């Protein structure tokens, strides 16, 4: 994947230097942007913005504010190359949520590695769900592999929502996102309050979540608490008519009205005995099976796979 990096600069020296330093790394693209064209450039949402303070004819604070006030670039990392060593000046820049200030006297090699490390961190952060801020698939797989390598027994909870598509069709994706965030809060609350346990919560994507807990955790209690809280809180997202009748009506492609139960949550629990699984694919396959079993029950429910290797 390409890394599009904009250099806010009235000259070309910095961008030319960076192109030379990164010439063997084809995924990096550097583009020189005149401050007068900043508004147009921000519409493209670069991966990283570097402001070369010493060679612009605009106040650096104003540029930083303009970047941060731009909705599309509110989280785009910004580096400022500054020739001023005054700490008060640097603080005034960083008050505008600027991630890093590089001295103009820094070597080309130093600037190279700052950019490399910042973009690496960006790549890691992209694996975090932007909706729930929970770790994504990369971290989930890493956590499972870590536990397998330690040869310990642990438990994996696979959670997702039932009839969620029907909810989105009736109430819209914005409200659907609110239910996803609600689900994340409920799972996190009930998992992270466990005492004396090494726990992890991840967001696979959409309405799918994973929680990992130690073998000594009472999975029945955890699942029951999550279900009880979800079933209570999710009603706040339905109108009174749907709550009273206990289902929602959705028109299918043929124009026929279909009835769907209110959104519920299903949980499949896999007790990963230390002798049983050799890789994370085996765990996920069993998890899918046991979660499917939970979904065969109407409403919120959970199912547990306790099989051990003898």
C-alpha atoms as a PDB file:
ATOM      1  CA  UNK A   1       0.000   0.000   0.000  1.00  0.00           C
ATOM      2  CA  UNK A   2       1.331   3.439  -0.959  1.00  0.00           C
ATOM      3  CA  UNK A   3       2.195   6.038   1.671  1.00  0.00           C
ATOM      4  CA  UNK A   4       1.217   9.454   0.290  1.00  0.00           C
ATOM      5  CA  UNK A   5       3.262  12.117   2.101  1.00  0.00           C
ATOM      6  CA  UNK A   6       2.728  15.850   1.528  1.00  0.00           C
ATOM      7  CA  UNK A   7       5.505  18.375   2.143  1.00  0.00           C
ATOM      8  CA  UNK A   8       4.128  21.861   2.860  1.00  0.00           C
ATOM      9  CA  UNK A   9       6.955  23.938   1.460  1.00  0.00           C
ATOM     10  CA  UNK A  10       7.650  26.885  -0.846  1.00  0.00           C
ATOM     11  CA  UNK A  11      10.856  25.232  -2.033  1.00  0.00           C
ATOM     12  CA  UNK A  12      11.779  21.811  -3.396  1.00  0.00           C
ATOM     13  CA  UNK A  13      14.926  20.963  -1.423  1.00  0.00           C
ATOM     14  CA  UNK A  14      13.252  18.871   1.271  1.00  0.00           C
ATOM     15  CA  UNK A  15      11.016  16.872  -1.055  1.00  0.00           C
ATOM     16  CA  UNK A  16      13.951  16.163  -3.370  1.00  0.00           C
ATOM     17  CA  UNK A  17      16.055  14.954  -0.452  1.00  0.00           C
ATOM     18  CA  UNK A  18      13.281  12.645   0.754  1.00  0.00           C
ATOM     19  CA  UNK A  19      12.707  11.215  -2.699  1.00  0.00           C
ATOM     20  CA  UNK A  20      16.386  10.395  -2.873  1.00  0.00           C
ATOM     21  CA  UNK A  21      16.460   8.809   0.600  1.00  0.00           C
ATOM     22  CA  UNK A  22      13.386   6.695  -0.129  1.00  0.00           C
ATOM     23  CA  UNK A  23      14.186   5.864  -3.757  1.00  0.00           C
ATOM     24  CA  UNK A  24      14.529   2.137  -2.997  1.00  0.00           C
ATOM     25  CA  UNK A  25      11.194   2.056  -1.175  1.00  0.00           C
ATOM     26  CA  UNK A  26       8.567   2.229  -3.877  1.00  0.00           C
ATOM     27  CA  UNK A  27       5.615   2.501  -1.482  1.00  0.00           C
ATOM     28  CA  UNK A  28       6.541   6.054  -0.407  1.00  0.00           C
ATOM     29  CA  UNK A  29       5.338   8.971  -2.527  1.00  0.00           C
ATOM     30  CA  UNK A  30       6.345  12.544  -1.690  1.00  0.00           C
ATOM     31  CA  UNK A  31       4.500  15.546  -3.071  1.00  0.00           C
ATOM     32  CA  UNK A  32       5.453  19.201  -2.647  1.00  0.00           C
ATOM     33  CA  UNK A  33       2.501  21.420  -1.676  1.00  0.00           C
ATOM     34  CA  UNK A  34       2.606  25.204  -1.712  1.00  0.00           C
ATOM     35  CA  UNK A  35       0.801  26.659   1.340  1.00  0.00           C
ATOM     36  CA  UNK A  36      -1.529  28.575  -0.984  1.00  0.00           C
ATOM     37  CA  UNK A  37      -2.799  25.241  -2.325  1.00  0.00           C
ATOM     38  CA  UNK A  38      -3.296  23.632   1.077  1.00  0.00           C
ATOM     39  CA  UNK A  39      -7.110  23.537   0.920  1.00  0.00           C
ATOM     40  CA  UNK A  40      -7.058  21.669  -2.376  1.00  0.00           C
ATOM     41  CA  UNK A  41      -4.366  19.265  -1.179  1.00  0.00           C
ATOM     42  CA  UNK A  42      -6.243  18.359   2.010  1.00  0.00           C
ATOM     43  CA  UNK A  43      -9.147  17.030  -0.029  1.00  0.00           C
ATOM     44  CA  UNK A  44      -6.927  14.095  -1.028  1.00  0.00           C
ATOM     45  CA  UNK A  45      -6.310  13.046   2.616  1.00  0.00           C
ATOM     46  CA  UNK A  46      -2.569  12.191   2.638  1.00  0.00           C
ATOM     47  CA  UNK A  47      -1.097   9.595   5.003  1.00  0.00           C
ATOM     48  CA  UNK A  48       1.358  12.072   6.529  1.00  0.00           C
ATOM     49  CA  UNK A  49       1.927  15.837   6.339  1.00  0.00           C
ATOM     50  CA  UNK A  50       5.316  17.496   6.863  1.00  0.00           C
ATOM     51  CA  UNK A  51       5.434  21.267   7.290  1.00  0.00           C
ATOM     52  CA  UNK A  52       8.803  22.854   6.519  1.00  0.00           C
ATOM     53  CA  UNK A  53       8.542  25.944   8.704  1.00  0.00           C
ATOM     54  CA  UNK A  54      11.736  27.636   7.584  1.00  0.00           C
ATOM     55  CA  UNK A  55      10.716  27.866   3.934  1.00  0.00           C
ATOM     56  CA  UNK A  56       7.048  28.864   4.031  1.00  0.00           C
ATOM     57  CA  UNK A  57       5.644  32.371   3.814  1.00  0.00           C
ATOM     58  CA  UNK A  58       2.687  31.582   6.085  1.00  0.00           C
ATOM     59  CA  UNK A  59       2.579  31.327   9.872  1.00  0.00           C
ATOM     60  CA  UNK A  60       3.144  27.710  10.852  1.00  0.00           C
ATOM     61  CA  UNK A  61       0.505  27.882  13.607  1.00  0.00           C
ATOM     62  CA  UNK A  62      -2.117  28.960  11.079  1.00  0.00           C
ATOM     63  CA  UNK A  63      -1.208  26.053   8.807  1.00  0.00           C
ATOM     64  CA  UNK A  64      -1.358  23.569  11.668  1.00  0.00           C
ATOM     65  CA  UNK A  65      -4.741  24.877  12.764  1.00  0.00           C
ATOM     66  CA  UNK A  66      -6.078  24.668   9.221  1.00  0.00           C
ATOM     67  CA  UNK A  67      -4.979  21.047   8.949  1.00  0.00           C
ATOM     68  CA  UNK A  68      -6.521  20.079  12.276  1.00  0.00           C
ATOM     69  CA  UNK A  69      -9.758  21.929  11.546  1.00  0.00           C
ATOM     70  CA  UNK A  70     -10.135  19.981   8.317  1.00  0.00           C
ATOM     71  CA  UNK A  71     -12.540  17.149   9.180  1.00  0.00           C
ATOM     72  CA  UNK A  72     -10.979  14.645   6.787  1.00  0.00           C
ATOM     73  CA  UNK A  73      -7.485  15.255   8.166  1.00  0.00           C
ATOM     74  CA  UNK A  74      -8.266  15.547  11.851  1.00  0.00           C
ATOM     75  CA  UNK A  75      -6.233  12.382  12.541  1.00  0.00           C
ATOM     76  CA  UNK A  76      -3.594  12.731   9.804  1.00  0.00           C
ATOM     77  CA  UNK A  77      -0.169  12.788  11.520  1.00  0.00           C
ATOM     78  CA  UNK A  78       1.708  16.088  11.116  1.00  0.00           C
ATOM     79  CA  UNK A  79       5.453  16.694  11.484  1.00  0.00           C
ATOM     80  CA  UNK A  80       6.945  20.171  11.597  1.00  0.00           C
ATOM     81  CA  UNK A  81      10.544  20.809  10.556  1.00  0.00           C
ATOM     82  CA  UNK A  82      11.543  23.898  12.522  1.00  0.00           C
ATOM     83  CA  UNK A  83      14.673  26.040  12.596  1.00  0.00           C
ATOM     84  CA  UNK A  84      13.613  27.665  15.885  1.00  0.00           C
ATOM     85  CA  UNK A  85      14.931  26.133  19.108  1.00  0.00           C
ATOM     86  CA  UNK A  86      12.701  28.223  21.354  1.00  0.00           C
ATOM     87  CA  UNK A  87      10.791  25.741  23.525  1.00  0.00           C
ATOM     88  CA  UNK A  88       7.821  28.079  23.941  1.00  0.00           C
ATOM     89  CA  UNK A  89       7.467  28.226  20.153  1.00  0.00           C
ATOM     90  CA  UNK A  90       7.588  24.439  19.898  1.00  0.00           C
ATOM     91  CA  UNK A  91       4.944  24.056  22.589  1.00  0.00           C
ATOM     92  CA  UNK A  92       2.679  26.524  20.806  1.00  0.00           C
ATOM     93  CA  UNK A  93       2.927  24.313  17.713  1.00  0.00           C
ATOM     94  CA  UNK A  94       2.273  21.089  19.594  1.00  0.00           C
ATOM     95  CA  UNK A  95      -0.783  22.595  21.299  1.00  0.00           C
ATOM     96  CA  UNK A  96      -2.458  22.211  17.903  1.00  0.00           C
ATOM     97  CA  UNK A  97      -2.202  18.405  18.157  1.00  0.00           C
ATOM     98  CA  UNK A  98       0.988  18.222  16.108  1.00  0.00           C
ATOM     99  CA  UNK A  99       2.683  14.877  16.665  1.00  0.00           C
ATOM    100  CA  UNK A 100       6.353  15.685  16.180  1.00  0.00           C
ATOM    101  CA  UNK A 101       8.795  18.552  15.703  1.00  0.00           C
ATOM    102  CA  UNK A 102      12.094  17.914  13.910  1.00  0.00           C
ATOM    103  CA  UNK A 103      14.998  20.326  14.109  1.00  0.00           C
ATOM    104  CA  UNK A 104      16.023  21.783  10.753  1.00  0.00           C
ATOM    105  CA  UNK A 105      19.592  20.898  11.733  1.00  0.00           C
ATOM    106  CA  UNK A 106      18.754  17.199  11.931  1.00  0.00           C
ATOM    107  CA  UNK A 107      20.590  14.935   9.503  1.00  0.00           C
ATOM    108  CA  UNK A 108      18.881  13.449   6.462  1.00  0.00           C
ATOM    109  CA  UNK A 109      19.276  10.046   8.098  1.00  0.00           C
ATOM    110  CA  UNK A 110      17.478  11.191  11.235  1.00  0.00           C
ATOM    111  CA  UNK A 111      14.550  12.634   9.271  1.00  0.00           C
ATOM    112  CA  UNK A 112      14.401   9.432   7.243  1.00  0.00           C
ATOM    113  CA  UNK A 113      13.967   7.269  10.334  1.00  0.00           C
ATOM    114  CA  UNK A 114      11.439   9.597  11.951  1.00  0.00           C
ATOM    115  CA  UNK A 115       9.245   9.270   8.854  1.00  0.00           C
ATOM    116  CA  UNK A 116       9.797   5.508   8.708  1.00  0.00           C
ATOM    117  CA  UNK A 117       8.844   5.046  12.353  1.00  0.00           C
ATOM    118  CA  UNK A 118       5.807   7.324  12.230  1.00  0.00           C
ATOM    119  CA  UNK A 119       4.443   5.581   9.141  1.00  0.00           C
ATOM    120  CA  UNK A 120       5.083   2.202  10.758  1.00  0.00           C
ATOM    121  CA  UNK A 121       3.045   3.280  13.770  1.00  0.00           C
ATOM    122  CA  UNK A 122       0.299   4.476  11.429  1.00  0.00           C
ATOM    123  CA  UNK A 123       0.185   1.039   9.820  1.00  0.00           C
ATOM    124  CA  UNK A 124      -0.184  -0.577  13.224  1.00  0.00           C
ATOM    125  CA  UNK A 125      -2.933   1.839  14.217  1.00  0.00           C
ATOM    126  CA  UNK A 126      -4.870   1.031  11.056  1.00  0.00           C
ATOM    127  CA  UNK A 127      -5.430  -2.436  12.454  1.00  0.00           C
ATOM    128  CA  UNK A 128      -7.464  -0.876  15.266  1.00  0.00           C
ATOM    129  CA  UNK A 129     -11.181  -0.558  14.583  1.00  0.00           C
ATOM    130  CA  UNK A 130     -11.955   3.123  13.887  1.00  0.00           C
ATOM    131  CA  UNK A 131     -15.506   2.600  15.158  1.00  0.00           C
ATOM    132  CA  UNK A 132     -14.825   0.891  18.491  1.00  0.00           C
ATOM    133  CA  UNK A 133     -11.078   1.604  18.969  1.00  0.00           C
ATOM    134  CA  UNK A 134     -10.657  -2.084  19.795  1.00  0.00           C
ATOM    135  CA  UNK A 135      -7.756  -4.152  18.410  1.00  0.00           C
ATOM    136  CA  UNK A 136      -8.441  -5.715  15.013  1.00  0.00           C
ATOM    137  CA  UNK A 137      -7.554  -8.976  13.302  1.00  0.00           C
ATOM    138  CA  UNK A 138      -3.773  -8.553  13.453  1.00  0.00           C
ATOM    139  CA  UNK A 139      -3.741  -8.080  17.218  1.00  0.00           C
ATOM    140  CA  UNK A 140      -6.359 -10.807  17.725  1.00  0.00           C
ATOM    141  CA  UNK A 141      -4.212 -13.328  15.856  1.00  0.00           C
ATOM    142  CA  UNK A 142      -1.104 -12.191  17.721  1.00  0.00           C
ATOM    143  CA  UNK A 143      -2.838 -12.635  21.085  1.00  0.00           C
ATOM    144  CA  UNK A 144      -4.044 -16.147  20.202  1.00  0.00           C
ATOM    145  CA  UNK A 145      -0.611 -17.170  18.909  1.00  0.00           C
ATOM    146  CA  UNK A 146       1.021 -15.830  22.069  1.00  0.00           C
ATOM    147  CA  UNK A 147      -1.196 -17.970  24.263  1.00  0.00           C
ATOM    148  CA  UNK A 148      -0.662 -21.063  22.140  1.00  0.00           C
ATOM    149  CA  UNK A 149       3.114 -20.579  22.311  1.00  0.00           C
ATOM    150  CA  UNK A 150       2.918 -20.307  26.089  1.00  0.00           C
ATOM    151  CA  UNK A 151       1.092 -23.675  26.052  1.00  0.00           C
ATOM    152  CA  UNK A 152      -1.563 -22.460  28.432  1.00  0.00           C
ATOM    153  CA  UNK A 153      -5.243 -23.269  28.630  1.00  0.00           C
ATOM    154  CA  UNK A 154      -7.489 -20.294  27.890  1.00  0.00           C
ATOM    155  CA  UNK A 155     -11.012 -19.518  26.746  1.00  0.00           C
ATOM    156  CA  UNK A 156     -12.134 -17.686  23.618  1.00  0.00           C
ATOM    157  CA  UNK A 157     -15.530 -16.017  23.314  1.00  0.00           C
ATOM    158  CA  UNK A 158     -16.796 -15.391  19.781  1.00  0.00           C
ATOM    159  CA  UNK A 159     -19.644 -12.878  19.801  1.00  0.00           C
ATOM    160  CA  UNK A 160     -21.875 -11.437  17.097  1.00  0.00           C
ATOM    161  CA  UNK A 161     -25.332  -9.957  16.656  1.00  0.00           C
ATOM    162  CA  UNK A 162     -28.466 -11.666  15.347  1.00  0.00           C
ATOM    163  CA  UNK A 163     -30.792  -9.952  12.846  1.00  0.00           C
ATOM    164  CA  UNK A 164     -28.439  -6.987  12.671  1.00  0.00           C
ATOM    165  CA  UNK A 165     -28.841  -6.544   8.901  1.00  0.00           C
ATOM    166  CA  UNK A 166     -32.605  -6.240   9.358  1.00  0.00           C
ATOM    167  CA  UNK A 167     -32.018  -3.516  11.964  1.00  0.00           C
ATOM    168  CA  UNK A 168     -29.777  -1.599   9.551  1.00  0.00           C
ATOM    169  CA  UNK A 169     -32.383  -1.909   6.787  1.00  0.00           C
ATOM    170  CA  UNK A 170     -35.061  -0.359   8.995  1.00  0.00           C
ATOM    171  CA  UNK A 171     -33.168   2.100  11.189  1.00  0.00           C
ATOM    172  CA  UNK A 172     -30.144   2.938   9.025  1.00  0.00           C
ATOM    173  CA  UNK A 173     -26.390   2.417   9.281  1.00  0.00           C
ATOM    174  CA  UNK A 174     -25.799   5.329  11.652  1.00  0.00           C
ATOM    175  CA  UNK A 175     -27.982   3.734  14.324  1.00  0.00           C
ATOM    176  CA  UNK A 176     -26.430   0.404  13.409  1.00  0.00           C
ATOM    177  CA  UNK A 177     -23.005   1.825  14.225  1.00  0.00           C
ATOM    178  CA  UNK A 178     -24.369   2.944  17.590  1.00  0.00           C
ATOM    179  CA  UNK A 179     -25.383  -0.629  18.390  1.00  0.00           C
ATOM    180  CA  UNK A 180     -21.902  -1.832  17.377  1.00  0.00           C
ATOM    181  CA  UNK A 181     -20.361   0.692  19.786  1.00  0.00           C
ATOM    182  CA  UNK A 182     -22.832  -0.341  22.492  1.00  0.00           C
ATOM    183  CA  UNK A 183     -21.852  -3.984  22.014  1.00  0.00           C
ATOM    184  CA  UNK A 184     -18.156  -3.104  22.268  1.00  0.00           C
ATOM    185  CA  UNK A 185     -18.754  -1.185  25.517  1.00  0.00           C
ATOM    186  CA  UNK A 186     -20.733  -4.003  27.084  1.00  0.00           C
ATOM    187  CA  UNK A 187     -18.199  -6.694  26.157  1.00  0.00           C
ATOM    188  CA  UNK A 188     -15.246  -4.572  27.291  1.00  0.00           C
ATOM    189  CA  UNK A 189     -16.937  -3.663  30.570  1.00  0.00           C
ATOM    190  CA  UNK A 190     -17.720  -7.268  31.463  1.00  0.00           C
ATOM    191  CA  UNK A 191     -14.345  -8.673  30.374  1.00  0.00           C
ATOM    192  CA  UNK A 192     -12.023  -6.004  31.751  1.00  0.00           C
ATOM    193  CA  UNK A 193     -13.639  -6.010  35.192  1.00  0.00           C
ATOM    194  CA  UNK A 194     -12.559  -9.628  35.724  1.00  0.00           C
ATOM    195  CA  UNK A 195     -10.120  -9.811  38.604  1.00  0.00           C
ATOM    196  CA  UNK A 196      -6.821 -11.698  38.500  1.00  0.00           C
ATOM    197  CA  UNK A 197      -7.229 -12.525  34.838  1.00  0.00           C
ATOM    198  CA  UNK A 198      -5.200 -11.802  31.701  1.00  0.00           C
ATOM    199  CA  UNK A 199      -7.934 -10.670  29.308  1.00  0.00           C
ATOM    200  CA  UNK A 200      -8.224  -9.336  25.767  1.00  0.00           C
ATOM    201  CA  UNK A 201     -11.092  -7.900  23.695  1.00  0.00           C
ATOM    202  CA  UNK A 202     -10.912  -7.471  19.916  1.00  0.00           C
ATOM    203  CA  UNK A 203     -13.192  -6.335  17.098  1.00  0.00           C
ATOM    204  CA  UNK A 204     -12.992  -8.654  14.083  1.00  0.00           C
ATOM    205  CA  UNK A 205     -15.159  -6.279  12.055  1.00  0.00           C
ATOM    206  CA  UNK A 206     -18.823  -5.504  11.514  1.00  0.00           C
ATOM    207  CA  UNK A 207     -20.790  -7.064  14.360  1.00  0.00           C
ATOM    208  CA  UNK A 208     -18.178  -9.733  15.168  1.00  0.00           C
ATOM    209  CA  UNK A 209     -16.101  -9.592  18.353  1.00  0.00           C
ATOM    210  CA  UNK A 210     -13.623 -11.795  20.204  1.00  0.00           C
ATOM    211  CA  UNK A 211     -12.756 -11.948  23.892  1.00  0.00           C
ATOM    212  CA  UNK A 212      -9.959 -14.051  25.392  1.00  0.00           C
ATOM    213  CA  UNK A 213      -9.869 -14.920  29.097  1.00  0.00           C
ATOM    214  CA  UNK A 214      -7.958 -17.237  31.406  1.00  0.00           C
ATOM    215  CA  UNK A 215      -9.093 -20.785  32.079  1.00  0.00           C
ATOM    216  CA  UNK A 216     -10.178 -19.932  35.633  1.00  0.00           C
ATOM    217  CA  UNK A 217     -12.821 -17.423  34.486  1.00  0.00           C
ATOM    218  CA  UNK A 218     -16.438 -18.526  34.928  1.00  0.00           C
ATOM    219  CA  UNK A 219     -17.600 -18.297  31.304  1.00  0.00           C
ATOM    220  CA  UNK A 220     -21.238 -18.937  32.227  1.00  0.00           C
ATOM    221  CA  UNK A 221     -21.338 -15.864  34.456  1.00  0.00           C
ATOM    222  CA  UNK A 222     -19.557 -13.695  31.887  1.00  0.00           C
ATOM    223  CA  UNK A 223     -21.876 -14.732  29.046  1.00  0.00           C
ATOM    224  CA  UNK A 224     -25.001 -14.323  31.177  1.00  0.00           C
ATOM    225  CA  UNK A 225     -23.928 -10.837  32.288  1.00  0.00           C
ATOM    226  CA  UNK A 226     -23.162  -9.719  28.722  1.00  0.00           C
ATOM    227  CA  UNK A 227     -26.498 -11.055  27.456  1.00  0.00           C
ATOM    228  CA  UNK A 228     -28.505  -9.504  30.293  1.00  0.00           C
ATOM    229  CA  UNK A 229     -26.950  -6.081  29.806  1.00  0.00           C
ATOM    230  CA  UNK A 230     -27.192  -6.219  26.008  1.00  0.00           C
ATOM    231  CA  UNK A 231     -30.853  -7.265  25.968  1.00  0.00           C
ATOM    232  CA  UNK A 232     -31.697  -4.367  28.276  1.00  0.00           C
ATOM    233  CA  UNK A 233     -29.635  -1.642  26.602  1.00  0.00           C
ATOM    234  CA  UNK A 234     -30.376  -2.541  22.961  1.00  0.00           C
ATOM    235  CA  UNK A 235     -34.087  -1.741  23.427  1.00  0.00           C
ATOM    236  CA  UNK A 236     -33.142   1.957  23.582  1.00  0.00           C
ATOM    237  CA  UNK A 237     -32.433   1.805  19.840  1.00  0.00           C
ATOM    238  CA  UNK A 238     -35.887   0.511  18.844  1.00  0.00           C
ATOM    239  CA  UNK A 239     -39.133   2.453  18.676  1.00  0.00           C
ATOM    240  CA  UNK A 240     -42.028   1.626  20.990  1.00  0.00           C
ATOM    241  CA  UNK A 241     -44.054  -0.107  18.269  1.00  0.00           C
ATOM    242  CA  UNK A 242     -41.291  -2.587  17.453  1.00  0.00           C
ATOM    243  CA  UNK A 243     -40.589  -3.214  21.134  1.00  0.00           C
ATOM    244  CA  UNK A 244     -44.252  -3.894  21.870  1.00  0.00           C
ATOM    245  CA  UNK A 245     -44.707  -6.426  19.084  1.00  0.00           C
ATOM    246  CA  UNK A 246     -41.240  -7.941  19.545  1.00  0.00           C
ATOM    247  CA  UNK A 247     -40.124  -7.828  15.930  1.00  0.00           C
ATOM    248  CA  UNK A 248     -39.390  -5.474  13.036  1.00  0.00           C
ATOM    249  CA  UNK A 249     -40.826  -5.550   9.541  1.00  0.00           C
ATOM    250  CA  UNK A 250     -38.551  -5.471   6.506  1.00  0.00           C
ATOM    251  CA  UNK A 251     -39.597  -5.381   2.867  1.00  0.00           C
ATOM    252  CA  UNK A 252     -37.582  -7.864   0.787  1.00  0.00           C
ATOM    253  CA  UNK A 253     -36.560  -7.454  -2.869  1.00  0.00           C
ATOM    254  CA  UNK A 254     -39.923  -8.738  -4.045  1.00  0.00           C
ATOM    255  CA  UNK A 255     -41.750  -6.201  -1.905  1.00  0.00           C
ATOM    256  CA  UNK A 256     -42.946  -8.836   0.551  1.00  0.00           C
ATOM    257  CA  UNK A 257     -42.912  -7.830   4.218  1.00  0.00           C
ATOM    258  CA  UNK A 258     -40.820 -10.135   6.405  1.00  0.00           C
ATOM    259  CA  UNK A 259     -40.697 -10.234  10.189  1.00  0.00           C
ATOM    260  CA  UNK A 260     -37.398 -10.335  12.086  1.00  0.00           C
ATOM    261  CA  UNK A 261     -36.913 -10.645  15.877  1.00  0.00           C
ATOM    262  CA  UNK A 262     -35.276  -7.725  17.671  1.00  0.00           C
ATOM    263  CA  UNK A 263     -31.477  -7.673  17.571  1.00  0.00           C
ATOM    264  CA  UNK A 264     -29.905 -10.126  20.005  1.00  0.00           C
ATOM    265  CA  UNK A 265     -26.386 -11.397  20.732  1.00  0.00           C
ATOM    266  CA  UNK A 266     -24.957 -14.888  20.303  1.00  0.00           C
ATOM    267  CA  UNK A 267     -21.812 -16.119  22.026  1.00  0.00           C
ATOM    268  CA  UNK A 268     -19.764 -19.208  21.253  1.00  0.00           C
ATOM    269  CA  UNK A 269     -17.214 -20.206  23.879  1.00  0.00           C
ATOM    270  CA  UNK A 270     -14.202 -22.389  23.106  1.00  0.00           C
ATOM    271  CA  UNK A 271     -12.229 -23.815  26.012  1.00  0.00           C
ATOM    272  CA  UNK A 272      -8.789 -24.068  24.413  1.00  0.00           C
ATOM    273  CA  UNK A 273      -7.078 -26.862  26.282  1.00  0.00           C
ATOM    274  CA  UNK A 274      -3.298 -26.547  25.990  1.00  0.00           C
ATOM    275  CA  UNK A 275      -3.046 -29.990  24.358  1.00  0.00           C
ATOM    276  CA  UNK A 276      -5.884 -29.562  21.925  1.00  0.00           C
ATOM    277  CA  UNK A 277      -5.036 -26.849  19.388  1.00  0.00           C
ATOM    278  CA  UNK A 278      -1.857 -26.458  17.373  1.00  0.00           C
ATOM    279  CA  UNK A 279      -2.799 -23.234  15.520  1.00  0.00           C
ATOM    280  CA  UNK A 280      -5.290 -20.381  15.626  1.00  0.00           C
ATOM    281  CA  UNK A 281      -7.167 -21.608  12.538  1.00  0.00           C
ATOM    282  CA  UNK A 282      -8.306 -24.674  14.457  1.00  0.00           C
ATOM    283  CA  UNK A 283      -9.605 -22.480  17.269  1.00  0.00           C
ATOM    284  CA  UNK A 284     -11.526 -20.171  14.916  1.00  0.00           C
ATOM    285  CA  UNK A 285     -13.121 -23.135  13.120  1.00  0.00           C
ATOM    286  CA  UNK A 286     -14.433 -24.564  16.380  1.00  0.00           C
ATOM    287  CA  UNK A 287     -15.481 -21.081  17.440  1.00  0.00           C
ATOM    288  CA  UNK A 288     -17.562 -20.672  14.285  1.00  0.00           C
ATOM    289  CA  UNK A 289     -19.239 -24.018  14.911  1.00  0.00           C
ATOM    290  CA  UNK A 290     -20.147 -23.341  18.505  1.00  0.00           C
ATOM    291  CA  UNK A 291     -21.348 -19.809  17.756  1.00  0.00           C
ATOM    292  CA  UNK A 292     -23.578 -21.240  15.008  1.00  0.00           C
ATOM    293  CA  UNK A 293     -25.001 -23.588  17.645  1.00  0.00           C
ATOM    294  CA  UNK A 294     -25.817 -20.605  19.864  1.00  0.00           C
ATOM    295  CA  UNK A 295     -27.603 -18.927  16.952  1.00  0.00           C
ATOM    296  CA  UNK A 296     -30.022 -21.848  16.618  1.00  0.00           C
ATOM    297  CA  UNK A 297     -31.659 -20.637  19.836  1.00  0.00           C
ATOM    298  CA  UNK A 298     -34.125 -17.768  19.491  1.00  0.00           C
ATOM    299  CA  UNK A 299     -32.946 -14.581  21.163  1.00  0.00           C
ATOM    300  CA  UNK A 300     -29.666 -13.931  22.936  1.00  0.00           C
ATOM    301  CA  UNK A 301     -27.878 -17.120  23.926  1.00  0.00           C
ATOM    302  CA  UNK A 302     -24.499 -18.792  24.353  1.00  0.00           C
ATOM    303  CA  UNK A 303     -23.041 -22.228  23.697  1.00  0.00           C
ATOM    304  CA  UNK A 304     -19.844 -23.769  25.034  1.00  0.00           C
ATOM    305  CA  UNK A 305     -17.395 -26.257  23.498  1.00  0.00           C
ATOM    306  CA  UNK A 306     -15.506 -28.032  26.264  1.00  0.00           C
ATOM    307  CA  UNK A 307     -13.946 -30.886  24.332  1.00  0.00           C
ATOM    308  CA  UNK A 308     -10.455 -31.846  25.397  1.00  0.00           C
ATOM    309  CA  UNK A 309      -7.751 -33.867  23.683  1.00  0.00           C
ATOM    310  CA  UNK A 310      -7.151 -37.134  25.527  1.00  0.00           C
END
